[in-house]
Amino acid sequence: MKKIVRISFYLGLLLLCVVAFCDTLVESSSQGCVFTNLDSVPAKKTALVLGTIYKTGQGYVNPYFKNRMIAAAELYKAGKVKYIIVSGDNGRVGYDESSDMKQVLISLGVPEFVIYLDYAGFRTLDSVVRCKEVFEQKDIIVVSQKFHNQRAVFLSKVKGLEAIGYNAQDVTFRQGYVVLLREKLARVKAVLDVLVGKGPKFYGPKVAIGNA
């Protein structure tokens, strides 16, 4: 029994060390590359907006989604980007993050013709790699909350993109502590994916952005 407890302790300690290492690696790799102040954001051709569910199970608009759309609209209206790729999950009938993002951006005053839809952004890794390989964009502004932008910038750098992040407004700790805990594990998964050379689920034909 003591042996089992001792092994469990060391395994738990190892797991904590792995989580801490991956968390630090992701955060340090994005140092100086994520921005909260709009005026400080360098202008680039394209923004990549990372998807999430539009409405919660209770029928309320997801604040993560709402704040990302507001941030993306801010970038466009400030002249920081010319085009926007909305990358989300469309993996089942009746669920379409990308189309939801497009409609909300239009309602916020972003012209439809500057919005490009990526229906196969199932994960952050997929969104980043498809942005480079399918949409042929290698110098982008990623739009999400800060914790998510840090991971997206980390993945972008590894996958050969020049990326910065524009931080959408976050939610309160009480609202989002579960998401923050999940993010720690997501960072471990991101590092493991990099180590094994994981790619996106789908690629597909090239899509020209603007004048390409």
N, C-alpha and C. Protein backbone atom coordinates (compact mmCIF):
# COMPACT_ATOMS: atom_id res chain seq x y z
N MET A 1 0.83 -1.21 0.00
CA MET A 1 0.00 0.00 0.00
C MET A 1 0.87 1.26 0.00
N LYS A 2 1.92 1.24 0.84
CA LYS A 2 2.82 2.39 0.90
C LYS A 2 3.51 2.62 -0.45
N LYS A 3 3.84 1.50 -1.12
CA LYS A 3 4.49 1.60 -2.42
C LYS A 3 3.57 2.26 -3.44
N ILE A 4 2.31 1.89 -3.42
CA ILE A 4 1.33 2.47 -4.34
C ILE A 4 1.17 3.96 -4.08
N VAL A 5 1.11 4.33 -2.80
CA VAL A 5 0.98 5.75 -2.44
C VAL A 5 2.21 6.52 -2.91
N ARG A 6 3.38 5.94 -2.71
CA ARG A 6 4.63 6.59 -3.10
C ARG A 6 4.69 6.78 -4.63
N ILE A 7 4.32 5.73 -5.37
CA ILE A 7 4.32 5.82 -6.84
C ILE A 7 3.32 6.87 -7.31
N SER A 8 2.14 6.88 -6.68
CA SER A 8 1.11 7.86 -7.04
C SER A 8 1.59 9.28 -6.78
N PHE A 9 2.31 9.45 -5.68
CA PHE A 9 2.83 10.78 -5.34
C PHE A 9 3.82 11.25 -6.41
N TYR A 10 4.74 10.37 -6.79
CA TYR A 10 5.76 10.77 -7.76
C TYR A 10 5.16 10.99 -9.15
N LEU A 11 4.17 10.18 -9.49
CA LEU A 11 3.49 10.38 -10.78
C LEU A 11 2.76 11.72 -10.79
N GLY A 12 2.10 12.04 -9.67
CA GLY A 12 1.42 13.32 -9.56
C GLY A 12 2.39 14.49 -9.63
N LEU A 13 3.54 14.32 -8.98
CA LEU A 13 4.56 15.37 -9.00
C LEU A 13 5.11 15.55 -10.42
N LEU A 14 5.31 14.42 -11.12
CA LEU A 14 5.79 14.48 -12.51
C LEU A 14 4.79 15.21 -13.39
N LEU A 15 3.51 14.90 -13.21
CA LEU A 15 2.47 15.55 -14.00
C LEU A 15 2.46 17.06 -13.77
N LEU A 16 2.59 17.46 -12.52
CA LEU A 16 2.63 18.89 -12.19
C LEU A 16 3.82 19.57 -12.84
N CYS A 17 4.95 18.89 -12.86
CA CYS A 17 6.16 19.46 -13.48
C CYS A 17 5.97 19.61 -14.98
N VAL A 18 5.34 18.62 -15.61
CA VAL A 18 5.09 18.69 -17.05
C VAL A 18 4.14 19.84 -17.37
N VAL A 19 3.09 19.97 -16.58
CA VAL A 19 2.12 21.05 -16.78
C VAL A 19 2.80 22.41 -16.62
N ALA A 20 3.62 22.54 -15.58
CA ALA A 20 4.31 23.80 -15.32
C ALA A 20 5.29 24.13 -16.44
N PHE A 21 6.01 23.11 -16.92
CA PHE A 21 6.97 23.32 -18.01
C PHE A 21 6.28 23.80 -19.28
N CYS A 22 5.21 23.12 -19.67
CA CYS A 22 4.48 23.47 -20.89
C CYS A 22 3.84 24.85 -20.77
N ASP A 23 3.32 25.15 -19.61
CA ASP A 23 2.71 26.46 -19.36
C ASP A 23 3.74 27.57 -19.52
N THR A 24 4.91 27.36 -18.93
CA THR A 24 5.98 28.34 -19.02
C THR A 24 6.50 28.49 -20.44
N LEU A 25 6.64 27.37 -21.14
CA LEU A 25 7.12 27.39 -22.52
C LEU A 25 6.18 28.19 -23.42
N VAL A 26 4.90 27.94 -23.31
CA VAL A 26 3.92 28.64 -24.14
C VAL A 26 3.90 30.13 -23.82
N GLU A 27 3.91 30.45 -22.54
CA GLU A 27 3.85 31.85 -22.14
C GLU A 27 5.11 32.61 -22.55
N SER A 28 6.28 32.00 -22.37
CA SER A 28 7.52 32.68 -22.71
C SER A 28 7.67 32.86 -24.21
N SER A 29 7.17 31.92 -25.00
CA SER A 29 7.29 32.00 -26.45
C SER A 29 6.44 33.12 -27.03
N SER A 30 5.41 33.53 -26.29
CA SER A 30 4.53 34.59 -26.78
C SER A 30 4.84 35.95 -26.14
N GLN A 31 5.91 35.99 -25.37
CA GLN A 31 6.29 37.23 -24.69
C GLN A 31 6.48 38.36 -25.70
N GLY A 32 5.80 39.47 -25.47
CA GLY A 32 5.90 40.62 -26.35
C GLY A 32 5.13 40.50 -27.64
N CYS A 33 4.36 39.41 -27.80
CA CYS A 33 3.64 39.17 -29.06
C CYS A 33 2.13 39.23 -28.91
N VAL A 34 1.64 39.49 -27.70
CA VAL A 34 0.20 39.62 -27.50
C VAL A 34 -0.10 41.01 -26.95
N PHE A 35 -1.13 41.62 -27.51
CA PHE A 35 -1.43 43.02 -27.21
C PHE A 35 -2.87 43.17 -26.72
N THR A 36 -3.02 44.06 -25.75
CA THR A 36 -4.35 44.41 -25.26
C THR A 36 -4.77 45.80 -25.72
N ASN A 37 -3.78 46.68 -25.89
CA ASN A 37 -4.04 48.05 -26.35
C ASN A 37 -4.10 48.07 -27.87
N LEU A 38 -5.22 48.48 -28.42
CA LEU A 38 -5.42 48.49 -29.87
C LEU A 38 -4.39 49.35 -30.58
N ASP A 39 -4.06 50.49 -30.01
CA ASP A 39 -3.11 51.41 -30.65
C ASP A 39 -1.72 50.79 -30.79
N SER A 40 -1.39 49.82 -29.94
CA SER A 40 -0.06 49.21 -29.96
C SER A 40 0.06 48.07 -30.97
N VAL A 41 -1.05 47.66 -31.54
CA VAL A 41 -1.04 46.52 -32.45
C VAL A 41 -0.50 46.93 -33.82
N PRO A 42 0.55 46.28 -34.31
CA PRO A 42 1.05 46.57 -35.66
C PRO A 42 0.01 46.15 -36.70
N ALA A 43 -0.08 46.90 -37.78
CA ALA A 43 -1.03 46.58 -38.84
C ALA A 43 -0.51 45.39 -39.66
N LYS A 44 -1.42 44.51 -40.03
CA LYS A 44 -1.10 43.37 -40.89
C LYS A 44 -2.26 43.16 -41.87
N LYS A 45 -2.04 42.32 -42.84
CA LYS A 45 -3.07 42.10 -43.85
C LYS A 45 -4.29 41.38 -43.29
N THR A 46 -4.05 40.36 -42.47
CA THR A 46 -5.12 39.42 -42.11
C THR A 46 -5.18 39.13 -40.62
N ALA A 47 -6.42 39.03 -40.13
CA ALA A 47 -6.66 38.56 -38.76
C ALA A 47 -7.24 37.16 -38.83
N LEU A 48 -6.82 36.33 -37.90
CA LEU A 48 -7.37 34.99 -37.74
C LEU A 48 -8.15 34.96 -36.43
N VAL A 49 -9.47 34.82 -36.53
CA VAL A 49 -10.33 34.81 -35.34
C VAL A 49 -10.63 33.37 -34.98
N LEU A 50 -10.27 32.99 -33.77
CA LEU A 50 -10.45 31.61 -33.33
C LEU A 50 -11.86 31.39 -32.79
N GLY A 51 -12.46 30.30 -33.22
CA GLY A 51 -13.87 30.06 -32.91
C GLY A 51 -14.13 29.46 -31.54
N THR A 52 -15.37 29.61 -31.15
CA THR A 52 -15.90 28.98 -29.95
C THR A 52 -17.42 28.95 -30.09
N ILE A 53 -18.11 28.28 -29.22
CA ILE A 53 -19.55 28.16 -29.31
C ILE A 53 -20.22 29.53 -29.17
N TYR A 54 -21.23 29.79 -29.99
CA TYR A 54 -21.92 31.08 -30.00
C TYR A 54 -22.82 31.25 -28.77
N LYS A 55 -23.64 30.24 -28.52
CA LYS A 55 -24.56 30.32 -27.37
C LYS A 55 -24.36 29.13 -26.44
N THR A 56 -24.52 29.39 -25.17
CA THR A 56 -24.37 28.35 -24.16
C THR A 56 -25.60 27.44 -24.18
N GLY A 57 -25.52 26.36 -23.42
CA GLY A 57 -26.63 25.44 -23.32
C GLY A 57 -27.88 26.08 -22.74
N GLN A 58 -27.70 27.18 -22.00
CA GLN A 58 -28.83 27.89 -21.41
C GLN A 58 -29.41 28.94 -22.37
N GLY A 59 -28.80 29.06 -23.56
CA GLY A 59 -29.32 29.98 -24.56
C GLY A 59 -28.72 31.38 -24.50
N TYR A 60 -27.74 31.59 -23.63
CA TYR A 60 -27.09 32.90 -23.54
C TYR A 60 -25.92 32.99 -24.51
N VAL A 61 -25.66 34.19 -25.00
CA VAL A 61 -24.49 34.39 -25.85
C VAL A 61 -23.23 34.17 -25.04
N ASN A 62 -22.35 33.33 -25.54
CA ASN A 62 -21.09 33.03 -24.87
C ASN A 62 -20.22 34.29 -24.84
N PRO A 63 -19.83 34.78 -23.66
CA PRO A 63 -19.04 36.01 -23.59
C PRO A 63 -17.68 35.90 -24.28
N TYR A 64 -17.09 34.71 -24.30
CA TYR A 64 -15.84 34.53 -25.03
C TYR A 64 -16.06 34.83 -26.51
N PHE A 65 -17.13 34.28 -27.07
CA PHE A 65 -17.47 34.50 -28.48
C PHE A 65 -17.74 35.98 -28.74
N LYS A 66 -18.62 36.56 -27.95
CA LYS A 66 -19.01 37.96 -28.14
C LYS A 66 -17.79 38.88 -28.12
N ASN A 67 -16.91 38.68 -27.14
CA ASN A 67 -15.76 39.57 -27.00
C ASN A 67 -14.74 39.39 -28.12
N ARG A 68 -14.63 38.18 -28.65
CA ARG A 68 -13.73 37.97 -29.79
C ARG A 68 -14.24 38.70 -31.03
N MET A 69 -15.55 38.68 -31.24
CA MET A 69 -16.11 39.37 -32.41
C MET A 69 -15.93 40.89 -32.28
N ILE A 70 -16.13 41.39 -31.08
CA ILE A 70 -15.93 42.83 -30.85
C ILE A 70 -14.48 43.21 -31.13
N ALA A 71 -13.54 42.39 -30.66
CA ALA A 71 -12.12 42.67 -30.86
C ALA A 71 -11.75 42.63 -32.34
N ALA A 72 -12.28 41.65 -33.07
CA ALA A 72 -12.00 41.55 -34.50
C ALA A 72 -12.54 42.76 -35.25
N ALA A 73 -13.75 43.18 -34.90
CA ALA A 73 -14.35 44.37 -35.53
C ALA A 73 -13.52 45.61 -35.23
N GLU A 74 -13.01 45.70 -34.01
CA GLU A 74 -12.16 46.83 -33.64
C GLU A 74 -10.92 46.89 -34.53
N LEU A 75 -10.29 45.75 -34.74
CA LEU A 75 -9.10 45.71 -35.58
C LEU A 75 -9.39 46.21 -36.98
N TYR A 76 -10.48 45.74 -37.55
CA TYR A 76 -10.81 46.14 -38.92
C TYR A 76 -11.13 47.63 -38.99
N LYS A 77 -11.96 48.11 -38.09
CA LYS A 77 -12.37 49.51 -38.14
C LYS A 77 -11.21 50.47 -37.86
N ALA A 78 -10.20 49.99 -37.14
CA ALA A 78 -9.03 50.81 -36.86
C ALA A 78 -7.99 50.73 -37.97
N GLY A 79 -8.28 49.96 -39.01
CA GLY A 79 -7.34 49.83 -40.12
C GLY A 79 -6.16 48.94 -39.82
N LYS A 80 -6.26 48.12 -38.80
CA LYS A 80 -5.15 47.24 -38.44
C LYS A 80 -5.09 46.00 -39.34
N VAL A 81 -6.23 45.61 -39.91
CA VAL A 81 -6.27 44.48 -40.85
C VAL A 81 -7.21 44.82 -42.00
N LYS A 82 -6.97 44.16 -43.13
CA LYS A 82 -7.83 44.33 -44.30
C LYS A 82 -8.82 43.18 -44.46
N TYR A 83 -8.42 42.00 -43.97
CA TYR A 83 -9.24 40.81 -44.15
C TYR A 83 -9.29 40.03 -42.84
N ILE A 84 -10.36 39.25 -42.70
CA ILE A 84 -10.57 38.47 -41.48
C ILE A 84 -10.92 37.04 -41.87
N ILE A 85 -10.17 36.08 -41.32
CA ILE A 85 -10.53 34.66 -41.44
C ILE A 85 -11.19 34.24 -40.13
N VAL A 86 -12.40 33.72 -40.23
CA VAL A 86 -13.08 33.19 -39.03
C VAL A 86 -12.97 31.67 -39.08
N SER A 87 -12.28 31.11 -38.13
CA SER A 87 -11.95 29.69 -38.15
C SER A 87 -12.63 28.97 -37.00
N GLY A 88 -13.52 28.06 -37.34
CA GLY A 88 -14.25 27.37 -36.29
C GLY A 88 -14.67 25.96 -36.68
N ASP A 89 -15.40 25.35 -35.79
CA ASP A 89 -15.84 23.96 -35.93
C ASP A 89 -17.18 23.91 -36.68
N ASN A 90 -17.22 23.07 -37.71
CA ASN A 90 -18.46 22.81 -38.43
C ASN A 90 -18.57 21.31 -38.64
N GLY A 91 -18.25 20.57 -37.58
CA GLY A 91 -18.10 19.13 -37.71
C GLY A 91 -19.37 18.32 -37.53
N ARG A 92 -20.48 18.98 -37.23
CA ARG A 92 -21.73 18.23 -37.10
C ARG A 92 -22.90 19.08 -37.59
N VAL A 93 -23.97 18.42 -37.93
CA VAL A 93 -25.14 19.09 -38.49
C VAL A 93 -25.72 20.08 -37.49
N GLY A 94 -25.97 21.31 -37.97
CA GLY A 94 -26.58 22.32 -37.12
C GLY A 94 -25.62 23.07 -36.23
N TYR A 95 -24.32 22.80 -36.37
CA TYR A 95 -23.33 23.50 -35.56
C TYR A 95 -22.30 24.11 -36.49
N ASP A 96 -22.21 25.43 -36.52
CA ASP A 96 -21.37 26.12 -37.51
C ASP A 96 -20.81 27.40 -36.89
N GLU A 97 -19.68 27.27 -36.21
CA GLU A 97 -19.07 28.42 -35.54
C GLU A 97 -18.68 29.52 -36.53
N SER A 98 -18.14 29.14 -37.67
CA SER A 98 -17.64 30.12 -38.64
C SER A 98 -18.75 31.01 -39.17
N SER A 99 -19.88 30.40 -39.55
CA SER A 99 -21.00 31.19 -40.06
C SER A 99 -21.58 32.09 -38.97
N ASP A 100 -21.61 31.61 -37.74
CA ASP A 100 -22.07 32.45 -36.62
C ASP A 100 -21.16 33.66 -36.46
N MET A 101 -19.85 33.42 -36.55
CA MET A 101 -18.90 34.52 -36.41
C MET A 101 -19.08 35.54 -37.53
N LYS A 102 -19.26 35.05 -38.74
CA LYS A 102 -19.44 35.95 -39.88
C LYS A 102 -20.67 36.84 -39.68
N GLN A 103 -21.78 36.25 -39.29
CA GLN A 103 -23.00 37.03 -39.14
C GLN A 103 -22.88 38.09 -38.05
N VAL A 104 -22.23 37.75 -36.96
CA VAL A 104 -22.07 38.72 -35.88
C VAL A 104 -21.11 39.83 -36.30
N LEU A 105 -20.05 39.49 -37.01
CA LEU A 105 -19.12 40.52 -37.49
C LEU A 105 -19.83 41.48 -38.44
N ILE A 106 -20.67 40.96 -39.31
CA ILE A 106 -21.43 41.83 -40.21
C ILE A 106 -22.33 42.76 -39.42
N SER A 107 -22.96 42.23 -38.37
CA SER A 107 -23.83 43.06 -37.54
C SER A 107 -23.05 44.15 -36.80
N LEU A 108 -21.74 43.93 -36.64
CA LEU A 108 -20.87 44.91 -35.98
C LEU A 108 -20.25 45.90 -36.97
N GLY A 109 -20.64 45.78 -38.24
CA GLY A 109 -20.18 46.75 -39.22
C GLY A 109 -19.02 46.33 -40.09
N VAL A 110 -18.63 45.05 -40.03
CA VAL A 110 -17.54 44.56 -40.88
C VAL A 110 -18.15 44.12 -42.21
N PRO A 111 -17.63 44.61 -43.34
CA PRO A 111 -18.19 44.23 -44.65
C PRO A 111 -18.05 42.73 -44.91
N GLU A 112 -19.07 42.16 -45.52
CA GLU A 112 -19.07 40.72 -45.77
C GLU A 112 -17.91 40.29 -46.66
N PHE A 113 -17.53 41.13 -47.64
CA PHE A 113 -16.54 40.72 -48.62
C PHE A 113 -15.12 40.59 -48.04
N VAL A 114 -14.88 41.10 -46.83
CA VAL A 114 -13.54 40.96 -46.23
C VAL A 114 -13.45 39.75 -45.31
N ILE A 115 -14.55 39.02 -45.15
CA ILE A 115 -14.60 37.90 -44.21
C ILE A 115 -14.48 36.58 -44.97
N TYR A 116 -13.54 35.75 -44.56
CA TYR A 116 -13.34 34.43 -45.17
C TYR A 116 -13.60 33.36 -44.11
N LEU A 117 -14.30 32.31 -44.52
CA LEU A 117 -14.70 31.27 -43.58
C LEU A 117 -13.82 30.03 -43.68
N ASP A 118 -13.32 29.60 -42.54
CA ASP A 118 -12.61 28.33 -42.43
C ASP A 118 -13.49 27.40 -41.60
N TYR A 119 -14.10 26.44 -42.27
CA TYR A 119 -15.04 25.55 -41.60
C TYR A 119 -14.36 24.39 -40.88
N ALA A 120 -13.04 24.25 -41.03
CA ALA A 120 -12.34 23.09 -40.46
C ALA A 120 -11.37 23.49 -39.36
N GLY A 121 -11.70 24.56 -38.64
CA GLY A 121 -10.87 24.97 -37.51
C GLY A 121 -11.29 24.23 -36.25
N PHE A 122 -11.12 22.93 -36.26
CA PHE A 122 -11.60 22.11 -35.15
C PHE A 122 -10.82 22.35 -33.86
N ARG A 123 -9.53 22.67 -34.03
CA ARG A 123 -8.68 22.97 -32.88
C ARG A 123 -7.81 24.16 -33.25
N THR A 124 -7.16 24.73 -32.26
CA THR A 124 -6.27 25.86 -32.51
C THR A 124 -5.18 25.48 -33.49
N LEU A 125 -4.62 24.28 -33.36
CA LEU A 125 -3.60 23.81 -34.27
C LEU A 125 -4.12 23.78 -35.70
N ASP A 126 -5.32 23.26 -35.90
CA ASP A 126 -5.92 23.20 -37.23
C ASP A 126 -6.06 24.61 -37.81
N SER A 127 -6.57 25.53 -37.00
CA SER A 127 -6.79 26.90 -37.47
C SER A 127 -5.50 27.55 -37.92
N VAL A 128 -4.45 27.37 -37.14
CA VAL A 128 -3.16 28.00 -37.43
C VAL A 128 -2.54 27.40 -38.70
N VAL A 129 -2.48 26.10 -38.77
CA VAL A 129 -1.84 25.45 -39.92
C VAL A 129 -2.63 25.69 -41.20
N ARG A 130 -3.95 25.63 -41.11
CA ARG A 130 -4.78 25.88 -42.30
C ARG A 130 -4.66 27.34 -42.74
N CYS A 131 -4.48 28.25 -41.82
CA CYS A 131 -4.27 29.65 -42.17
C CYS A 131 -3.06 29.79 -43.08
N LYS A 132 -2.02 29.03 -42.79
CA LYS A 132 -0.80 29.07 -43.59
C LYS A 132 -0.93 28.26 -44.87
N GLU A 133 -1.40 27.04 -44.77
CA GLU A 133 -1.36 26.11 -45.90
C GLU A 133 -2.54 26.27 -46.86
N VAL A 134 -3.72 26.59 -46.34
CA VAL A 134 -4.91 26.71 -47.19
C VAL A 134 -5.13 28.15 -47.62
N PHE A 135 -5.05 29.08 -46.66
CA PHE A 135 -5.31 30.49 -46.97
C PHE A 135 -4.03 31.25 -47.32
N GLU A 136 -2.90 30.58 -47.19
CA GLU A 136 -1.58 31.12 -47.58
C GLU A 136 -1.26 32.45 -46.91
N GLN A 137 -1.57 32.53 -45.63
CA GLN A 137 -1.24 33.71 -44.82
C GLN A 137 -0.17 33.33 -43.81
N LYS A 138 0.93 34.06 -43.81
CA LYS A 138 2.06 33.73 -42.95
C LYS A 138 2.42 34.84 -41.97
N ASP A 139 1.65 35.92 -41.99
CA ASP A 139 1.92 37.06 -41.10
C ASP A 139 0.58 37.59 -40.62
N ILE A 140 0.16 37.19 -39.43
CA ILE A 140 -1.24 37.37 -39.03
C ILE A 140 -1.38 37.96 -37.63
N ILE A 141 -2.60 38.44 -37.36
CA ILE A 141 -3.00 38.80 -36.01
C ILE A 141 -4.04 37.79 -35.56
N VAL A 142 -3.76 37.07 -34.50
CA VAL A 142 -4.72 36.12 -33.95
C VAL A 142 -5.62 36.84 -32.95
N VAL A 143 -6.91 36.56 -33.02
CA VAL A 143 -7.86 37.21 -32.13
C VAL A 143 -8.53 36.18 -31.23
N SER A 144 -8.32 36.31 -29.95
CA SER A 144 -8.97 35.49 -28.93
C SER A 144 -8.66 36.12 -27.58
N GLN A 145 -8.99 35.42 -26.50
CA GLN A 145 -8.59 35.91 -25.19
C GLN A 145 -7.09 35.67 -25.00
N LYS A 146 -6.49 36.37 -24.05
CA LYS A 146 -5.04 36.34 -23.88
C LYS A 146 -4.50 34.93 -23.71
N PHE A 147 -5.10 34.15 -22.84
CA PHE A 147 -4.58 32.80 -22.56
C PHE A 147 -4.58 31.96 -23.85
N HIS A 148 -5.58 32.15 -24.67
CA HIS A 148 -5.70 31.40 -25.92
C HIS A 148 -4.73 31.94 -26.97
N ASN A 149 -4.59 33.25 -27.02
CA ASN A 149 -3.63 33.86 -27.95
C ASN A 149 -2.21 33.39 -27.70
N GLN A 150 -1.86 33.25 -26.44
CA GLN A 150 -0.50 32.80 -26.12
C GLN A 150 -0.23 31.42 -26.72
N ARG A 151 -1.18 30.54 -26.61
CA ARG A 151 -1.01 29.19 -27.18
C ARG A 151 -1.01 29.24 -28.71
N ALA A 152 -1.87 30.07 -29.27
CA ALA A 152 -1.95 30.20 -30.73
C ALA A 152 -0.65 30.78 -31.30
N VAL A 153 -0.07 31.75 -30.62
CA VAL A 153 1.19 32.33 -31.08
C VAL A 153 2.31 31.30 -30.98
N PHE A 154 2.33 30.54 -29.90
CA PHE A 154 3.31 29.47 -29.74
C PHE A 154 3.23 28.50 -30.91
N LEU A 155 2.03 28.03 -31.22
CA LEU A 155 1.84 27.09 -32.32
C LEU A 155 2.19 27.71 -33.66
N SER A 156 1.83 28.98 -33.83
CA SER A 156 2.13 29.68 -35.08
C SER A 156 3.63 29.73 -35.33
N LYS A 157 4.38 30.09 -34.32
CA LYS A 157 5.83 30.18 -34.47
C LYS A 157 6.43 28.84 -34.85
N VAL A 158 5.98 27.80 -34.20
CA VAL A 158 6.50 26.46 -34.48
C VAL A 158 6.17 26.04 -35.91
N LYS A 159 4.99 26.45 -36.37
CA LYS A 159 4.51 26.04 -37.70
C LYS A 159 4.92 27.01 -38.82
N GLY A 160 5.76 27.99 -38.49
CA GLY A 160 6.32 28.84 -39.53
C GLY A 160 5.55 30.08 -39.88
N LEU A 161 4.71 30.55 -38.98
CA LEU A 161 3.99 31.80 -39.19
C LEU A 161 4.57 32.90 -38.31
N GLU A 162 4.50 34.12 -38.82
CA GLU A 162 4.75 35.30 -37.99
C GLU A 162 3.41 35.72 -37.42
N ALA A 163 3.25 35.60 -36.13
CA ALA A 163 1.94 35.87 -35.55
C ALA A 163 2.05 36.71 -34.28
N ILE A 164 1.08 37.60 -34.13
CA ILE A 164 0.89 38.31 -32.88
C ILE A 164 -0.57 38.09 -32.47
N GLY A 165 -0.90 38.42 -31.25
CA GLY A 165 -2.27 38.25 -30.79
C GLY A 165 -2.86 39.56 -30.32
N TYR A 166 -4.13 39.76 -30.63
CA TYR A 166 -4.88 40.88 -30.08
C TYR A 166 -5.88 40.30 -29.10
N ASN A 167 -5.75 40.71 -27.84
CA ASN A 167 -6.52 40.09 -26.77
C ASN A 167 -7.93 40.66 -26.67
N ALA A 168 -8.90 39.78 -26.89
CA ALA A 168 -10.28 40.15 -26.61
C ALA A 168 -10.48 40.23 -25.10
N GLN A 169 -11.49 40.96 -24.69
CA GLN A 169 -11.78 41.07 -23.26
C GLN A 169 -12.05 39.69 -22.68
N ASP A 170 -11.47 39.41 -21.52
CA ASP A 170 -11.66 38.14 -20.86
C ASP A 170 -12.94 38.18 -20.03
N VAL A 171 -13.28 37.06 -19.42
CA VAL A 171 -14.42 37.01 -18.51
C VAL A 171 -13.89 37.01 -17.08
N THR A 172 -14.78 37.12 -16.12
CA THR A 172 -14.36 37.11 -14.73
C THR A 172 -13.84 35.73 -14.35
N PHE A 173 -13.03 35.70 -13.30
CA PHE A 173 -12.48 34.42 -12.84
C PHE A 173 -13.60 33.46 -12.47
N ARG A 174 -14.64 33.97 -11.86
CA ARG A 174 -15.76 33.11 -11.44
C ARG A 174 -16.44 32.48 -12.65
N GLN A 175 -16.52 33.23 -13.74
CA GLN A 175 -17.13 32.70 -14.96
C GLN A 175 -16.21 31.74 -15.70
N GLY A 176 -14.90 32.00 -15.63
CA GLY A 176 -13.99 31.30 -16.52
C GLY A 176 -12.94 30.42 -15.90
N TYR A 177 -13.02 30.13 -14.59
CA TYR A 177 -11.94 29.38 -13.96
C TYR A 177 -11.82 27.96 -14.52
N VAL A 178 -12.94 27.37 -14.93
CA VAL A 178 -12.88 26.03 -15.52
C VAL A 178 -12.12 26.06 -16.84
N VAL A 179 -12.38 27.10 -17.66
CA VAL A 179 -11.68 27.25 -18.93
C VAL A 179 -10.19 27.44 -18.70
N LEU A 180 -9.83 28.21 -17.68
CA LEU A 180 -8.42 28.43 -17.37
C LEU A 180 -7.73 27.15 -16.93
N LEU A 181 -8.42 26.31 -16.19
CA LEU A 181 -7.86 25.03 -15.79
C LEU A 181 -7.67 24.12 -17.00
N ARG A 182 -8.66 24.10 -17.89
CA ARG A 182 -8.56 23.31 -19.11
C ARG A 182 -7.41 23.80 -19.99
N GLU A 183 -7.16 25.10 -19.95
CA GLU A 183 -6.09 25.67 -20.76
C GLU A 183 -4.73 25.10 -20.38
N LYS A 184 -4.53 24.82 -19.09
CA LYS A 184 -3.26 24.24 -18.65
C LYS A 184 -3.02 22.90 -19.35
N LEU A 185 -4.07 22.09 -19.45
CA LEU A 185 -3.95 20.80 -20.12
C LEU A 185 -3.84 20.97 -21.63
N ALA A 186 -4.53 21.99 -22.16
CA ALA A 186 -4.45 22.26 -23.59
C ALA A 186 -3.03 22.64 -24.00
N ARG A 187 -2.32 23.30 -23.11
CA ARG A 187 -0.92 23.67 -23.41
C ARG A 187 -0.02 22.44 -23.43
N VAL A 188 -0.28 21.49 -22.55
CA VAL A 188 0.46 20.23 -22.58
C VAL A 188 0.19 19.52 -23.90
N LYS A 189 -1.08 19.49 -24.30
CA LYS A 189 -1.44 18.84 -25.57
C LYS A 189 -0.78 19.55 -26.74
N ALA A 190 -0.72 20.88 -26.70
CA ALA A 190 -0.09 21.64 -27.79
C ALA A 190 1.39 21.28 -27.92
N VAL A 191 2.08 21.19 -26.81
CA VAL A 191 3.51 20.83 -26.84
C VAL A 191 3.70 19.41 -27.36
N LEU A 192 2.85 18.49 -26.91
CA LEU A 192 2.94 17.11 -27.39
C LEU A 192 2.67 17.02 -28.89
N ASP A 193 1.68 17.79 -29.35
CA ASP A 193 1.36 17.81 -30.79
C ASP A 193 2.55 18.30 -31.61
N VAL A 194 3.23 19.29 -31.08
CA VAL A 194 4.43 19.81 -31.77
C VAL A 194 5.52 18.74 -31.81
N LEU A 195 5.71 18.06 -30.71
CA LEU A 195 6.77 17.05 -30.63
C LEU A 195 6.53 15.90 -31.61
N VAL A 196 5.27 15.52 -31.82
CA VAL A 196 4.97 14.39 -32.72
C VAL A 196 4.65 14.85 -34.13
N GLY A 197 4.69 16.17 -34.39
CA GLY A 197 4.43 16.68 -35.72
C GLY A 197 2.98 16.59 -36.15
N LYS A 198 2.08 16.77 -35.22
CA LYS A 198 0.65 16.68 -35.51
C LYS A 198 0.22 17.75 -36.49
N GLY A 199 -0.65 17.38 -37.43
CA GLY A 199 -1.20 18.33 -38.40
C GLY A 199 -2.70 18.45 -38.24
N PRO A 200 -3.33 19.28 -39.08
CA PRO A 200 -4.78 19.46 -39.00
C PRO A 200 -5.54 18.24 -39.53
N LYS A 201 -6.79 18.16 -39.18
CA LYS A 201 -7.63 17.04 -39.63
C LYS A 201 -7.83 17.08 -41.13
N PHE A 202 -8.03 18.30 -41.68
CA PHE A 202 -8.23 18.48 -43.11
C PHE A 202 -7.35 19.61 -43.63
N TYR A 203 -6.98 19.51 -44.90
CA TYR A 203 -6.32 20.61 -45.59
C TYR A 203 -7.31 21.21 -46.59
N GLY A 204 -7.29 20.76 -47.82
CA GLY A 204 -8.23 21.25 -48.81
C GLY A 204 -7.60 22.19 -49.81
N PRO A 205 -8.39 22.66 -50.81
CA PRO A 205 -7.87 23.54 -51.86
C PRO A 205 -7.48 24.90 -51.31
N LYS A 206 -6.56 25.56 -52.02
CA LYS A 206 -6.11 26.89 -51.62
C LYS A 206 -7.24 27.91 -51.74
N VAL A 207 -7.22 28.89 -50.86
CA VAL A 207 -8.19 29.98 -50.89
C VAL A 207 -7.41 31.28 -50.93
N ALA A 208 -7.64 32.07 -51.98
CA ALA A 208 -6.93 33.36 -52.12
C ALA A 208 -7.59 34.42 -51.26
N ILE A 209 -6.79 35.14 -50.50
CA ILE A 209 -7.28 36.22 -49.64
C ILE A 209 -7.00 37.56 -50.33
N GLY A 210 -8.05 38.30 -50.66
CA GLY A 210 -7.86 39.59 -51.31
C GLY A 210 -7.10 39.44 -52.60
N ASN A 211 -5.99 40.16 -52.70
CA ASN A 211 -5.14 40.06 -53.88
C ASN A 211 -4.12 38.95 -53.77
N ALA A 212 -4.26 38.16 -52.68
CA ALA A 212 -3.35 37.03 -52.41
C ALA A 212 -1.93 37.51 -52.38
